PDB file of all heavy atoms in Angstrom:
ATOM      1  N   GLY A   1      59.052 -79.075 -11.827  1.00  0.00           N
ATOM      2  CA  GLY A   1      60.206 -78.934 -12.706  1.00  0.00           C
ATOM      3  C   GLY A   1      61.170 -77.889 -12.206  1.00  0.00           C
ATOM      4  O   GLY A   1      61.077 -77.387 -11.092  1.00  0.00           O
ATOM      5  N   ALA A   2      62.114 -77.534 -13.072  1.00  0.00           N
ATOM      6  CA  ALA A   2      63.171 -76.590 -12.712  1.00  0.00           C
ATOM      7  C   ALA A   2      62.623 -75.182 -12.491  1.00  0.00           C
ATOM      8  O   ALA A   2      63.139 -74.432 -11.676  1.00  0.00           O
ATOM      9  CB  ALA A   2      64.233 -76.566 -13.803  1.00  0.00           C
ATOM     10  N   ALA A   3      61.586 -74.809 -13.214  1.00  0.00           N
ATOM     11  CA  ALA A   3      61.034 -73.463 -13.095  1.00  0.00           C
ATOM     12  C   ALA A   3      60.310 -73.256 -11.771  1.00  0.00           C
ATOM     13  O   ALA A   3      60.143 -72.133 -11.330  1.00  0.00           O
ATOM     14  CB  ALA A   3      60.090 -73.177 -14.249  1.00  0.00           C
ATOM     15  N   ALA A   4      59.920 -74.325 -11.109  1.00  0.00           N
ATOM     16  CA  ALA A   4      59.187 -74.187  -9.852  1.00  0.00           C
ATOM     17  C   ALA A   4      60.060 -73.577  -8.762  1.00  0.00           C
ATOM     18  O   ALA A   4      59.586 -72.802  -7.939  1.00  0.00           O
ATOM     19  CB  ALA A   4      58.661 -75.548  -9.407  1.00  0.00           C
ATOM     20  N   GLY A   5      61.343 -73.893  -8.744  1.00  0.00           N
ATOM     21  CA  GLY A   5      62.241 -73.344  -7.745  1.00  0.00           C
ATOM     22  C   GLY A   5      62.514 -71.870  -7.945  1.00  0.00           C
ATOM     23  O   GLY A   5      62.842 -71.155  -7.013  1.00  0.00           O
ATOM     24  N   LEU A   6      62.390 -71.384  -9.150  1.00  0.00           N
ATOM     25  CA  LEU A   6      62.666 -69.989  -9.470  1.00  0.00           C
ATOM     26  C   LEU A   6      61.398 -69.155  -9.602  1.00  0.00           C
ATOM     27  O   LEU A   6      61.442 -68.035 -10.079  1.00  0.00           O
ATOM     28  CB  LEU A   6      63.469 -69.894 -10.771  1.00  0.00           C
ATOM     29  CG  LEU A   6      64.824 -70.590 -10.766  1.00  0.00           C
ATOM     30  CD1 LEU A   6      65.451 -70.514 -12.145  1.00  0.00           C
ATOM     31  CD2 LEU A   6      65.736 -69.985  -9.734  1.00  0.00           C
ATOM     32  N   GLN A   7      60.288 -69.684  -9.161  1.00  0.00           N
ATOM     33  CA  GLN A   7      59.010 -69.004  -9.343  1.00  0.00           C
ATOM     34  C   GLN A   7      58.987 -67.642  -8.656  1.00  0.00           C
ATOM     35  O   GLN A   7      58.459 -66.679  -9.186  1.00  0.00           O
ATOM     36  CB  GLN A   7      57.883 -69.874  -8.809  1.00  0.00           C
ATOM     37  CG  GLN A   7      56.510 -69.292  -9.063  1.00  0.00           C
ATOM     38  CD  GLN A   7      55.427 -70.244  -8.610  1.00  0.00           C
ATOM     39  OE1 GLN A   7      55.717 -71.306  -8.079  1.00  0.00           O
ATOM     40  NE2 GLN A   7      54.192 -69.873  -8.825  1.00  0.00           N
ATOM     41  N   GLY A   8      59.586 -67.499  -7.489  1.00  0.00           N
ATOM     42  CA  GLY A   8      59.584 -66.233  -6.779  1.00  0.00           C
ATOM     43  C   GLY A   8      60.529 -65.210  -7.374  1.00  0.00           C
ATOM     44  O   GLY A   8      60.489 -64.046  -7.025  1.00  0.00           O
ATOM     45  N   PHE A   9      61.408 -65.620  -8.286  1.00  0.00           N
ATOM     46  CA  PHE A   9      62.399 -64.728  -8.862  1.00  0.00           C
ATOM     47  C   PHE A   9      62.073 -64.331 -10.301  1.00  0.00           C
ATOM     48  O   PHE A   9      62.925 -63.841 -11.012  1.00  0.00           O
ATOM     49  CB  PHE A   9      63.785 -65.379  -8.822  1.00  0.00           C
ATOM     50  CG  PHE A   9      64.260 -65.616  -7.426  1.00  0.00           C
ATOM     51  CD1 PHE A   9      64.185 -66.870  -6.852  1.00  0.00           C
ATOM     52  CD2 PHE A   9      64.762 -64.575  -6.671  1.00  0.00           C
ATOM     53  CE1 PHE A   9      64.618 -67.088  -5.566  1.00  0.00           C
ATOM     54  CE2 PHE A   9      65.191 -64.778  -5.378  1.00  0.00           C
ATOM     55  CZ  PHE A   9      65.121 -66.045  -4.828  1.00  0.00           C
ATOM     56  N   ALA A  10      60.854 -64.547 -10.720  1.00  0.00           N
ATOM     57  CA  ALA A  10      60.465 -64.221 -12.088  1.00  0.00           C
ATOM     58  C   ALA A  10      60.408 -62.706 -12.266  1.00  0.00           C
ATOM     59  O   ALA A  10      60.063 -61.966 -11.351  1.00  0.00           O
ATOM     60  CB  ALA A  10      59.110 -64.829 -12.418  1.00  0.00           C
ATOM     61  N   VAL A  11      60.773 -62.240 -13.445  1.00  0.00           N
ATOM     62  CA  VAL A  11      60.737 -60.810 -13.757  1.00  0.00           C
ATOM     63  C   VAL A  11      59.375 -60.489 -14.353  1.00  0.00           C
ATOM     64  O   VAL A  11      58.944 -61.101 -15.316  1.00  0.00           O
ATOM     65  CB  VAL A  11      61.860 -60.449 -14.755  1.00  0.00           C
ATOM     66  CG1 VAL A  11      61.758 -58.998 -15.160  1.00  0.00           C
ATOM     67  CG2 VAL A  11      63.211 -60.749 -14.149  1.00  0.00           C
ATOM     68  N   ASP A  12      58.701 -59.542 -13.737  1.00  0.00           N
ATOM     69  CA  ASP A  12      57.403 -59.116 -14.233  1.00  0.00           C
ATOM     70  C   ASP A  12      57.621 -57.983 -15.231  1.00  0.00           C
ATOM     71  O   ASP A  12      57.813 -56.828 -14.847  1.00  0.00           O
ATOM     72  CB  ASP A  12      56.530 -58.654 -13.067  1.00  0.00           C
ATOM     73  CG  ASP A  12      55.095 -58.380 -13.492  1.00  0.00           C
ATOM     74  OD1 ASP A  12      54.762 -58.607 -14.675  1.00  0.00           O
ATOM     75  OD2 ASP A  12      54.317 -57.935 -12.638  1.00  0.00           O
ATOM     76  N   LYS A  13      57.611 -58.329 -16.507  1.00  0.00           N
ATOM     77  CA  LYS A  13      57.924 -57.332 -17.542  1.00  0.00           C
ATOM     78  C   LYS A  13      56.854 -56.257 -17.646  1.00  0.00           C
ATOM     79  O   LYS A  13      57.159 -55.120 -17.990  1.00  0.00           O
ATOM     80  CB  LYS A  13      58.113 -58.028 -18.884  1.00  0.00           C
ATOM     81  CG  LYS A  13      59.335 -58.912 -18.898  1.00  0.00           C
ATOM     82  CD  LYS A  13      59.512 -59.606 -20.217  1.00  0.00           C
ATOM     83  CE  LYS A  13      60.717 -60.528 -20.138  1.00  0.00           C
ATOM     84  NZ  LYS A  13      60.908 -61.277 -21.355  1.00  0.00           N
ATOM     85  N   THR A  14      55.629 -56.593 -17.304  1.00  0.00           N
ATOM     86  CA  THR A  14      54.586 -55.562 -17.363  1.00  0.00           C
ATOM     87  C   THR A  14      54.792 -54.536 -16.263  1.00  0.00           C
ATOM     88  O   THR A  14      54.546 -53.356 -16.461  1.00  0.00           O
ATOM     89  CB  THR A  14      53.189 -56.182 -17.243  1.00  0.00           C
ATOM     90  OG1 THR A  14      53.119 -56.950 -16.033  1.00  0.00           O
ATOM     91  CG2 THR A  14      52.890 -57.072 -18.431  1.00  0.00           C
ATOM     92  N   PHE A  15      55.266 -54.983 -15.083  1.00  0.00           N
ATOM     93  CA  PHE A  15      55.549 -54.030 -14.006  1.00  0.00           C
ATOM     94  C   PHE A  15      56.723 -53.145 -14.367  1.00  0.00           C
ATOM     95  O   PHE A  15      56.700 -51.936 -14.141  1.00  0.00           O
ATOM     96  CB  PHE A  15      55.828 -54.755 -12.689  1.00  0.00           C
ATOM     97  CG  PHE A  15      56.289 -53.828 -11.601  1.00  0.00           C
ATOM     98  CD1 PHE A  15      55.391 -52.970 -10.990  1.00  0.00           C
ATOM     99  CD2 PHE A  15      57.608 -53.794 -11.196  1.00  0.00           C
ATOM    100  CE1 PHE A  15      55.803 -52.107  -9.987  1.00  0.00           C
ATOM    101  CE2 PHE A  15      58.029 -52.941 -10.198  1.00  0.00           C
ATOM    102  CZ  PHE A  15      57.117 -52.093  -9.593  1.00  0.00           C
ATOM    103  N   LEU A  16      57.784 -53.736 -14.921  1.00  0.00           N
ATOM    104  CA  LEU A  16      58.964 -52.948 -15.253  1.00  0.00           C
ATOM    105  C   LEU A  16      58.700 -51.926 -16.343  1.00  0.00           C
ATOM    106  O   LEU A  16      59.351 -50.892 -16.401  1.00  0.00           O
ATOM    107  CB  LEU A  16      60.113 -53.860 -15.654  1.00  0.00           C
ATOM    108  CG  LEU A  16      60.670 -54.734 -14.531  1.00  0.00           C
ATOM    109  CD1 LEU A  16      61.764 -55.639 -15.068  1.00  0.00           C
ATOM    110  CD2 LEU A  16      61.180 -53.896 -13.385  1.00  0.00           C
ATOM    111  N   SER A  17      57.740 -52.205 -17.207  1.00  0.00           N
ATOM    112  CA  SER A  17      57.427 -51.243 -18.259  1.00  0.00           C
ATOM    113  C   SER A  17      56.362 -50.229 -17.820  1.00  0.00           C
ATOM    114  O   SER A  17      56.103 -49.274 -18.533  1.00  0.00           O
ATOM    115  CB  SER A  17      56.966 -51.974 -19.523  1.00  0.00           C
ATOM    116  OG  SER A  17      55.788 -52.707 -19.248  1.00  0.00           O
ATOM    117  N   SER A  18      55.780 -50.421 -16.639  1.00  0.00           N
ATOM    118  CA  SER A  18      54.802 -49.459 -16.138  1.00  0.00           C
ATOM    119  C   SER A  18      55.524 -48.258 -15.524  1.00  0.00           C
ATOM    120  O   SER A  18      56.737 -48.265 -15.338  1.00  0.00           O
ATOM    121  CB  SER A  18      53.899 -50.116 -15.076  1.00  0.00           C
ATOM    122  OG  SER A  18      54.642 -50.357 -13.900  1.00  0.00           O
ATOM    123  N   LEU A  19      54.774 -47.237 -15.182  1.00  0.00           N
ATOM    124  CA  LEU A  19      55.349 -46.020 -14.618  1.00  0.00           C
ATOM    125  C   LEU A  19      56.042 -46.304 -13.282  1.00  0.00           C
ATOM    126  O   LEU A  19      57.154 -45.833 -13.031  1.00  0.00           O
ATOM    127  CB  LEU A  19      54.271 -44.957 -14.439  1.00  0.00           C
ATOM    128  CG  LEU A  19      54.744 -43.626 -13.870  1.00  0.00           C
ATOM    129  CD1 LEU A  19      55.773 -42.982 -14.801  1.00  0.00           C
ATOM    130  CD2 LEU A  19      53.576 -42.701 -13.634  1.00  0.00           C
ATOM    131  N   LYS A  20      55.415 -47.108 -12.429  1.00  0.00           N
ATOM    132  CA  LYS A  20      56.016 -47.427 -11.132  1.00  0.00           C
ATOM    133  C   LYS A  20      57.310 -48.217 -11.316  1.00  0.00           C
ATOM    134  O   LYS A  20      58.275 -48.012 -10.586  1.00  0.00           O
ATOM    135  CB  LYS A  20      55.044 -48.227 -10.278  1.00  0.00           C
ATOM    136  CG  LYS A  20      53.911 -47.411  -9.735  1.00  0.00           C
ATOM    137  CD  LYS A  20      53.030 -48.251  -8.831  1.00  0.00           C
ATOM    138  CE  LYS A  20      51.880 -47.447  -8.297  1.00  0.00           C
ATOM    139  NZ  LYS A  20      51.017 -48.243  -7.416  1.00  0.00           N
ATOM    140  N   GLY A  21      57.326 -49.127 -12.270  1.00  0.00           N
ATOM    141  CA  GLY A  21      58.532 -49.908 -12.525  1.00  0.00           C
ATOM    142  C   GLY A  21      59.677 -49.051 -13.030  1.00  0.00           C
ATOM    143  O   GLY A  21      60.826 -49.213 -12.618  1.00  0.00           O
ATOM    144  N   ILE A  22      59.369 -48.131 -13.918  1.00  0.00           N
ATOM    145  CA  ILE A  22      60.397 -47.228 -14.449  1.00  0.00           C
ATOM    146  C   ILE A  22      60.931 -46.330 -13.344  1.00  0.00           C
ATOM    147  O   ILE A  22      62.140 -46.098 -13.243  1.00  0.00           O
ATOM    148  CB  ILE A  22      59.827 -46.408 -15.623  1.00  0.00           C
ATOM    149  CG1 ILE A  22      59.537 -47.334 -16.806  1.00  0.00           C
ATOM    150  CG2 ILE A  22      60.782 -45.301 -16.029  1.00  0.00           C
ATOM    151  CD1 ILE A  22      58.746 -46.687 -17.918  1.00  0.00           C
ATOM    152  N   LEU A  23      60.048 -45.843 -12.476  1.00  0.00           N
ATOM    153  CA  LEU A  23      60.495 -45.017 -11.348  1.00  0.00           C
ATOM    154  C   LEU A  23      61.367 -45.821 -10.384  1.00  0.00           C
ATOM    155  O   LEU A  23      62.364 -45.312  -9.868  1.00  0.00           O
ATOM    156  CB  LEU A  23      59.294 -44.437 -10.614  1.00  0.00           C
ATOM    157  CG  LEU A  23      58.533 -43.354 -11.358  1.00  0.00           C
ATOM    158  CD1 LEU A  23      57.279 -42.965 -10.578  1.00  0.00           C
ATOM    159  CD2 LEU A  23      59.400 -42.149 -11.598  1.00  0.00           C
ATOM    160  N   LEU A  24      61.022 -47.079 -10.158  1.00  0.00           N
ATOM    161  CA  LEU A  24      61.825 -47.924  -9.284  1.00  0.00           C
ATOM    162  C   LEU A  24      63.209 -48.157  -9.876  1.00  0.00           C
ATOM    163  O   LEU A  24      64.218 -48.066  -9.170  1.00  0.00           O
ATOM    164  CB  LEU A  24      61.127 -49.257  -9.050  1.00  0.00           C
ATOM    165  CG  LEU A  24      61.895 -50.276  -8.209  1.00  0.00           C
ATOM    166  CD1 LEU A  24      62.035 -49.767  -6.784  1.00  0.00           C
ATOM    167  CD2 LEU A  24      61.205 -51.615  -8.224  1.00  0.00           C
ATOM    168  N   GLU A  25      63.278 -48.447 -11.161  1.00  0.00           N
ATOM    169  CA  GLU A  25      64.569 -48.647 -11.822  1.00  0.00           C
ATOM    170  C   GLU A  25      65.416 -47.378 -11.743  1.00  0.00           C
ATOM    171  O   GLU A  25      66.614 -47.434 -11.467  1.00  0.00           O
ATOM    172  CB  GLU A  25      64.357 -49.032 -13.281  1.00  0.00           C
ATOM    173  CG  GLU A  25      63.707 -50.384 -13.473  1.00  0.00           C
ATOM    174  CD  GLU A  25      63.278 -50.610 -14.909  1.00  0.00           C
ATOM    175  OE1 GLU A  25      63.777 -49.907 -15.802  1.00  0.00           O
ATOM    176  OE2 GLU A  25      62.437 -51.487 -15.130  1.00  0.00           O
TER     177      GLU A  25
END
């Protein structure tokens, strides 16, 4: 389906809310 093409561009919300994700942002 359409989501298969965007699989590599998914946002990992658990990473962004972790300490490493916040430091990266």
